């Protein structure tokens, strides 16, 4: 079993049976999500050009499924001193004048 996802530049990424076994052994909650993982890998490739536009080279991303909130941090520790909510439901978090993170509400509904 080897399935392939393709990058936007048509570079193949192979998910072999051996690699999948390793993933599931270390993350048993992933069992049963093979097709989802393969599809998500392809979708991440589509997001890459947008992620590279951020003004930082390191990011921390956390998703709270129950709250449907996506957190993207640009600095650790974040220690925001101010926040600003945009009309589209994105919370911009600042430390002084520096953007240190964003919080995206209703993340799963955005396409």
Protein backbone atom coordinates (compact mmCIF):
# COMPACT_ATOMS: atom_id res chain seq x y z
CA UNK A 1 0.00 0.00 0.00
CA UNK A 2 1.45 3.31 -1.12
CA UNK A 3 -0.77 6.27 -1.86
CA UNK A 4 0.46 9.55 -3.19
CA UNK A 5 -0.47 13.17 -2.56
CA UNK A 6 0.86 15.82 -4.89
CA UNK A 7 2.20 19.26 -4.08
CA UNK A 8 1.01 22.28 -6.07
CA UNK A 9 4.12 21.78 -8.21
CA UNK A 10 3.12 18.14 -8.80
CA UNK A 11 5.86 16.73 -6.57
CA UNK A 12 4.69 13.36 -5.22
CA UNK A 13 4.55 12.67 -1.49
CA UNK A 14 4.21 8.97 -0.77
CA UNK A 15 2.39 7.63 2.28
CA UNK A 16 3.65 4.06 2.52
CA UNK A 17 2.23 1.29 4.70
CA UNK A 18 5.40 1.42 6.80
CA UNK A 19 5.08 5.19 7.35
CA UNK A 20 1.36 4.89 8.19
CA UNK A 21 2.11 2.12 10.71
CA UNK A 22 4.69 4.37 12.37
CA UNK A 23 2.18 7.25 12.55
CA UNK A 24 -0.57 5.11 14.07
CA UNK A 25 1.79 3.43 16.56
CA UNK A 26 2.78 6.84 17.90
CA UNK A 27 -0.64 8.50 17.53
CA UNK A 28 -3.31 5.83 18.01
CA UNK A 29 -6.03 8.48 17.70
CA UNK A 30 -5.10 8.71 13.98
CA UNK A 31 -6.16 5.12 13.22
CA UNK A 32 -8.98 5.15 10.71
CA UNK A 33 -8.00 8.53 9.23
CA UNK A 34 -5.68 7.38 6.44
CA UNK A 35 -7.67 8.99 3.60
CA UNK A 36 -8.17 12.17 5.61
CA UNK A 37 -4.44 12.46 6.29
CA UNK A 38 -3.58 11.95 2.62
CA UNK A 39 -6.12 14.60 1.57
CA UNK A 40 -4.92 17.02 4.25
CA UNK A 41 -1.31 16.69 3.08
CA UNK A 42 -2.43 17.85 -0.37
CA UNK A 43 -4.37 20.76 1.12
CA UNK A 44 -1.40 21.88 3.22
CA UNK A 45 0.60 22.23 0.02
CA UNK A 46 -2.06 24.67 -1.24
CA UNK A 47 -1.78 26.73 1.97
CA UNK A 48 2.02 26.92 1.92
CA UNK A 49 2.35 30.01 -0.34
CA UNK A 50 -0.03 31.89 1.99
CA UNK A 51 1.84 30.83 5.13
CA UNK A 52 5.09 32.06 3.63
CA UNK A 53 3.61 35.58 3.38
CA UNK A 54 3.54 35.94 7.17
CA UNK A 55 6.23 38.33 8.44
CA UNK A 56 7.78 35.65 10.68
CA UNK A 57 9.67 32.43 10.08
CA UNK A 58 8.33 30.51 13.10
CA UNK A 59 4.70 29.89 13.98
CA UNK A 60 2.85 27.80 16.53
CA UNK A 61 -0.55 26.54 15.51
CA UNK A 62 -3.18 25.05 17.83
CA UNK A 63 -6.76 24.10 17.06
CA UNK A 64 -9.45 23.73 19.71
CA UNK A 65 -12.01 21.49 18.00
CA UNK A 66 -14.64 21.85 20.73
CA UNK A 67 -14.54 25.66 20.55
CA UNK A 68 -13.77 25.66 16.79
CA UNK A 69 -10.98 28.17 17.33
CA UNK A 70 -7.63 28.24 15.54
CA UNK A 71 -4.72 29.90 17.33
CA UNK A 72 -1.65 31.03 15.40
CA UNK A 73 1.20 32.40 17.49
CA UNK A 74 4.15 34.32 16.08
CA UNK A 75 6.13 34.66 19.29
CA UNK A 76 6.68 32.52 22.40
CA UNK A 77 5.66 33.31 25.01
CA UNK A 78 2.92 35.36 23.42
CA UNK A 79 2.13 37.56 26.46
CA UNK A 80 -0.24 39.80 24.53
CA UNK A 81 -0.98 43.17 26.11
CA UNK A 82 -3.75 44.18 23.71
CA UNK A 83 -6.23 42.58 21.31
CA UNK A 84 -8.28 43.87 18.41
CA UNK A 85 -11.25 42.06 16.82
CA UNK A 86 -11.71 42.52 13.08
CA UNK A 87 -15.13 42.44 11.43
CA UNK A 88 -14.43 38.99 10.00
CA UNK A 89 -14.07 37.38 13.43
CA UNK A 90 -10.29 37.33 13.67
CA UNK A 91 -8.72 38.46 16.91
CA UNK A 92 -5.33 40.16 16.43
CA UNK A 93 -3.14 39.86 19.54
CA UNK A 94 -0.42 42.42 20.22
CA UNK A 95 2.40 42.94 22.67
CA UNK A 96 2.90 46.69 22.56
CA UNK A 97 2.93 47.37 18.75
CA UNK A 98 4.11 43.89 17.73
CA UNK A 99 1.59 41.37 16.35
CA UNK A 100 2.26 38.21 18.38
CA UNK A 101 -0.67 36.06 17.26
CA UNK A 102 -4.10 35.73 15.75
CA UNK A 103 -7.16 33.82 16.91
CA UNK A 104 -9.61 32.67 14.25
CA UNK A 105 -13.15 32.08 15.48
CA UNK A 106 -15.40 29.51 13.75
CA UNK A 107 -12.31 28.21 12.00
CA UNK A 108 -13.91 25.12 10.42
CA UNK A 109 -16.48 27.29 8.60
CA UNK A 110 -13.86 29.26 6.68
CA UNK A 111 -12.89 28.13 3.20
